[in-house]
Amino acid sequence: MSQEVTDFIEAINEPWQRDLSSRLREIVQGAVPGVQERIQYKKPHFLHNGKYAAVISVSKAAVSFTIFNASGLTLPEELFEGPPERKTIKLKQGQSFDAEQLSALVGQAVSTL
């Protein structure tokens, strides 16, 4: 785990966004053995074999989670948006998501990296 990413998450003002970002980080760590973490473009990025796997982005009203290398994934279209190569889910306060499904999708996406 990167201290830089830990510091970033701990500095998020809204408790729900901080907790959600931590949970998303745990999902990536569980799905991507040996994941590399770094802050790039002022956001936590997660890499596998030197290539982008996922990114967390915090805005005023949501926490966005982007999965890279997503072209071959079957995603719930009502939850994800973006071009075929990267798909983003925007989570708002109180919104639930399927952590196991998200973990499986991240795992699938990095399996070819």
C-alpha atoms as a PDB file:
ATOM      1  CA  MET A   1       0.000   0.000   0.000  1.00  0.00           C
ATOM      2  CA  SER A   2       1.184   3.466  -0.843  1.00  0.00           C
ATOM      3  CA  GLN A   3       1.410   5.963   1.998  1.00  0.00           C
ATOM      4  CA  GLU A   4       0.710   8.660  -0.579  1.00  0.00           C
ATOM      5  CA  VAL A   5      -2.666   7.065  -1.390  1.00  0.00           C
ATOM      6  CA  THR A   6      -3.410   6.496   2.305  1.00  0.00           C
ATOM      7  CA  ASP A   7      -2.720  10.177   3.015  1.00  0.00           C
ATOM      8  CA  PHE A   8      -4.941  11.216   0.094  1.00  0.00           C
ATOM      9  CA  ILE A   9      -7.875   9.141   1.319  1.00  0.00           C
ATOM     10  CA  GLU A  10      -7.463  10.256   4.933  1.00  0.00           C
ATOM     11  CA  ALA A  11      -7.553  13.903   3.786  1.00  0.00           C
ATOM     12  CA  ILE A  12     -10.974  13.589   2.096  1.00  0.00           C
ATOM     13  CA  ASN A  13     -13.332  15.927   3.973  1.00  0.00           C
ATOM     14  CA  GLU A  14     -16.631  14.078   3.712  1.00  0.00           C
ATOM     15  CA  PRO A  15     -16.658  10.953   5.933  1.00  0.00           C
ATOM     16  CA  TRP A  16     -18.869   8.986   3.513  1.00  0.00           C
ATOM     17  CA  GLN A  17     -16.494   9.736   0.616  1.00  0.00           C
ATOM     18  CA  ARG A  18     -13.470   8.814   2.718  1.00  0.00           C
ATOM     19  CA  ASP A  19     -15.075   5.504   3.761  1.00  0.00           C
ATOM     20  CA  LEU A  20     -16.200   4.715   0.223  1.00  0.00           C
ATOM     21  CA  SER A  21     -12.755   5.494  -1.210  1.00  0.00           C
ATOM     22  CA  SER A  22     -11.167   3.185   1.371  1.00  0.00           C
ATOM     23  CA  ARG A  23     -13.623   0.433   0.474  1.00  0.00           C
ATOM     24  CA  LEU A  24     -12.932   0.828  -3.248  1.00  0.00           C
ATOM     25  CA  ARG A  25      -9.206   0.672  -2.543  1.00  0.00           C
ATOM     26  CA  GLU A  26      -9.697  -2.569  -0.602  1.00  0.00           C
ATOM     27  CA  ILE A  27     -11.664  -4.019  -3.520  1.00  0.00           C
ATOM     28  CA  VAL A  28      -8.814  -3.258  -5.937  1.00  0.00           C
ATOM     29  CA  GLN A  29      -6.205  -4.651  -3.555  1.00  0.00           C
ATOM     30  CA  GLY A  30      -8.216  -7.857  -3.208  1.00  0.00           C
ATOM     31  CA  ALA A  31      -8.829  -8.223  -6.931  1.00  0.00           C
ATOM     32  CA  VAL A  32      -5.337  -7.326  -8.183  1.00  0.00           C
ATOM     33  CA  PRO A  33      -2.465  -9.179  -6.516  1.00  0.00           C
ATOM     34  CA  GLY A  34       0.622  -6.979  -6.368  1.00  0.00           C
ATOM     35  CA  VAL A  35      -1.282  -3.852  -7.397  1.00  0.00           C
ATOM     36  CA  GLN A  36       0.830  -0.699  -7.547  1.00  0.00           C
ATOM     37  CA  GLU A  37      -0.659   2.498  -6.149  1.00  0.00           C
ATOM     38  CA  ARG A  38       0.206   6.110  -6.805  1.00  0.00           C
ATOM     39  CA  ILE A  39      -1.261   9.574  -6.920  1.00  0.00           C
ATOM     40  CA  GLN A  40      -1.382  10.882 -10.455  1.00  0.00           C
ATOM     41  CA  TYR A  41      -3.422  13.822 -11.736  1.00  0.00           C
ATOM     42  CA  LYS A  42      -4.398  14.393  -8.068  1.00  0.00           C
ATOM     43  CA  LYS A  43      -6.221  11.036  -7.872  1.00  0.00           C
ATOM     44  CA  PRO A  44      -5.390   7.538  -6.604  1.00  0.00           C
ATOM     45  CA  HIS A  45      -4.411   5.337  -9.529  1.00  0.00           C
ATOM     46  CA  PHE A  46      -3.965   1.580  -9.369  1.00  0.00           C
ATOM     47  CA  LEU A  47      -1.662  -0.186 -11.801  1.00  0.00           C
ATOM     48  CA  HIS A  48      -1.022  -3.790 -12.769  1.00  0.00           C
ATOM     49  CA  ASN A  49       2.124  -4.646 -14.723  1.00  0.00           C
ATOM     50  CA  GLY A  50       2.685  -0.901 -15.187  1.00  0.00           C
ATOM     51  CA  LYS A  51      -0.705  -0.357 -16.845  1.00  0.00           C
ATOM     52  CA  TYR A  52      -3.749   1.423 -15.443  1.00  0.00           C
ATOM     53  CA  ALA A  53      -6.233  -0.884 -13.748  1.00  0.00           C
ATOM     54  CA  ALA A  54      -8.479   1.572 -11.873  1.00  0.00           C
ATOM     55  CA  VAL A  55      -8.768   5.104 -10.533  1.00  0.00           C
ATOM     56  CA  ILE A  56     -10.782   6.760  -7.770  1.00  0.00           C
ATOM     57  CA  SER A  57     -12.001  10.317  -8.261  1.00  0.00           C
ATOM     58  CA  VAL A  58     -13.807  12.380  -5.638  1.00  0.00           C
ATOM     59  CA  SER A  59     -16.128  15.268  -6.526  1.00  0.00           C
ATOM     60  CA  LYS A  60     -18.555  17.299  -4.417  1.00  0.00           C
ATOM     61  CA  ALA A  61     -21.477  14.915  -4.839  1.00  0.00           C
ATOM     62  CA  ALA A  62     -19.950  11.559  -5.771  1.00  0.00           C
ATOM     63  CA  VAL A  63     -17.044   9.165  -5.760  1.00  0.00           C
ATOM     64  CA  SER A  64     -16.262   7.868  -9.238  1.00  0.00           C
ATOM     65  CA  PHE A  65     -14.517   4.565  -9.809  1.00  0.00           C
ATOM     66  CA  THR A  66     -13.097   3.833 -13.247  1.00  0.00           C
ATOM     67  CA  ILE A  67     -12.084   0.397 -14.482  1.00  0.00           C
ATOM     68  CA  PHE A  68      -9.563   0.398 -17.326  1.00  0.00           C
ATOM     69  CA  ASN A  69      -9.132  -2.311 -19.980  1.00  0.00           C
ATOM     70  CA  ALA A  70     -12.897  -2.827 -19.798  1.00  0.00           C
ATOM     71  CA  SER A  71     -13.626  -3.625 -23.460  1.00  0.00           C
ATOM     72  CA  GLY A  72     -14.286  -7.327 -22.847  1.00  0.00           C
ATOM     73  CA  LEU A  73     -16.393  -6.891 -19.715  1.00  0.00           C
ATOM     74  CA  THR A  74     -20.127  -7.391 -19.429  1.00  0.00           C
ATOM     75  CA  LEU A  75     -21.242  -4.501 -17.250  1.00  0.00           C
ATOM     76  CA  PRO A  76     -24.622  -3.416 -15.925  1.00  0.00           C
ATOM     77  CA  GLU A  77     -25.259  -0.528 -18.332  1.00  0.00           C
ATOM     78  CA  GLU A  78     -27.466   1.311 -15.856  1.00  0.00           C
ATOM     79  CA  LEU A  79     -24.481   1.701 -13.503  1.00  0.00           C
ATOM     80  CA  PHE A  80     -21.491   2.261 -15.782  1.00  0.00           C
ATOM     81  CA  GLU A  81     -20.748   4.885 -18.398  1.00  0.00           C
ATOM     82  CA  GLY A  82     -17.875   5.798 -20.669  1.00  0.00           C
ATOM     83  CA  PRO A  83     -16.072   4.484 -23.734  1.00  0.00           C
ATOM     84  CA  PRO A  84     -15.518   0.716 -24.158  1.00  0.00           C
ATOM     85  CA  GLU A  85     -11.907   0.788 -22.931  1.00  0.00           C
ATOM     86  CA  ARG A  86     -12.759   2.397 -19.570  1.00  0.00           C
ATOM     87  CA  LYS A  87     -15.993   2.344 -17.655  1.00  0.00           C
ATOM     88  CA  THR A  88     -16.945   4.534 -14.695  1.00  0.00           C
ATOM     89  CA  ILE A  89     -19.471   4.102 -11.928  1.00  0.00           C
ATOM     90  CA  LYS A  90     -20.451   7.242 -10.005  1.00  0.00           C
ATOM     91  CA  LEU A  91     -21.483   6.492  -6.448  1.00  0.00           C
ATOM     92  CA  LYS A  92     -23.447   9.027  -4.439  1.00  0.00           C
ATOM     93  CA  GLN A  93     -23.983   9.206  -0.700  1.00  0.00           C
ATOM     94  CA  GLY A  94     -26.092   6.283   0.496  1.00  0.00           C
ATOM     95  CA  GLN A  95     -25.947   4.461  -2.837  1.00  0.00           C
ATOM     96  CA  SER A  96     -25.149   0.785  -2.520  1.00  0.00           C
ATOM     97  CA  PHE A  97     -23.131  -1.344  -4.910  1.00  0.00           C
ATOM     98  CA  ASP A  98     -22.199  -4.992  -5.225  1.00  0.00           C
ATOM     99  CA  ALA A  99     -18.622  -5.203  -3.915  1.00  0.00           C
ATOM    100  CA  GLU A 100     -18.179  -8.806  -5.063  1.00  0.00           C
ATOM    101  CA  GLN A 101     -19.325  -7.924  -8.563  1.00  0.00           C
ATOM    102  CA  LEU A 102     -17.013  -4.908  -8.677  1.00  0.00           C
ATOM    103  CA  SER A 103     -14.096  -7.017  -7.461  1.00  0.00           C
ATOM    104  CA  ALA A 104     -14.793  -9.656 -10.131  1.00  0.00           C
ATOM    105  CA  LEU A 105     -14.979  -6.991 -12.857  1.00  0.00           C
ATOM    106  CA  VAL A 106     -11.659  -5.454 -11.810  1.00  0.00           C
ATOM    107  CA  GLY A 107     -10.096  -8.932 -11.691  1.00  0.00           C
ATOM    108  CA  GLN A 108     -11.372  -9.708 -15.187  1.00  0.00           C
ATOM    109  CA  ALA A 109     -10.153  -6.399 -16.562  1.00  0.00           C
ATOM    110  CA  VAL A 110      -6.585  -6.877 -15.295  1.00  0.00           C
ATOM    111  CA  SER A 111      -6.360 -10.531 -16.277  1.00  0.00           C
ATOM    112  CA  THR A 112      -5.068  -9.571 -19.739  1.00  0.00           C
ATOM    113  CA  LEU A 113      -2.646  -6.842 -18.585  1.00  0.00           C
END
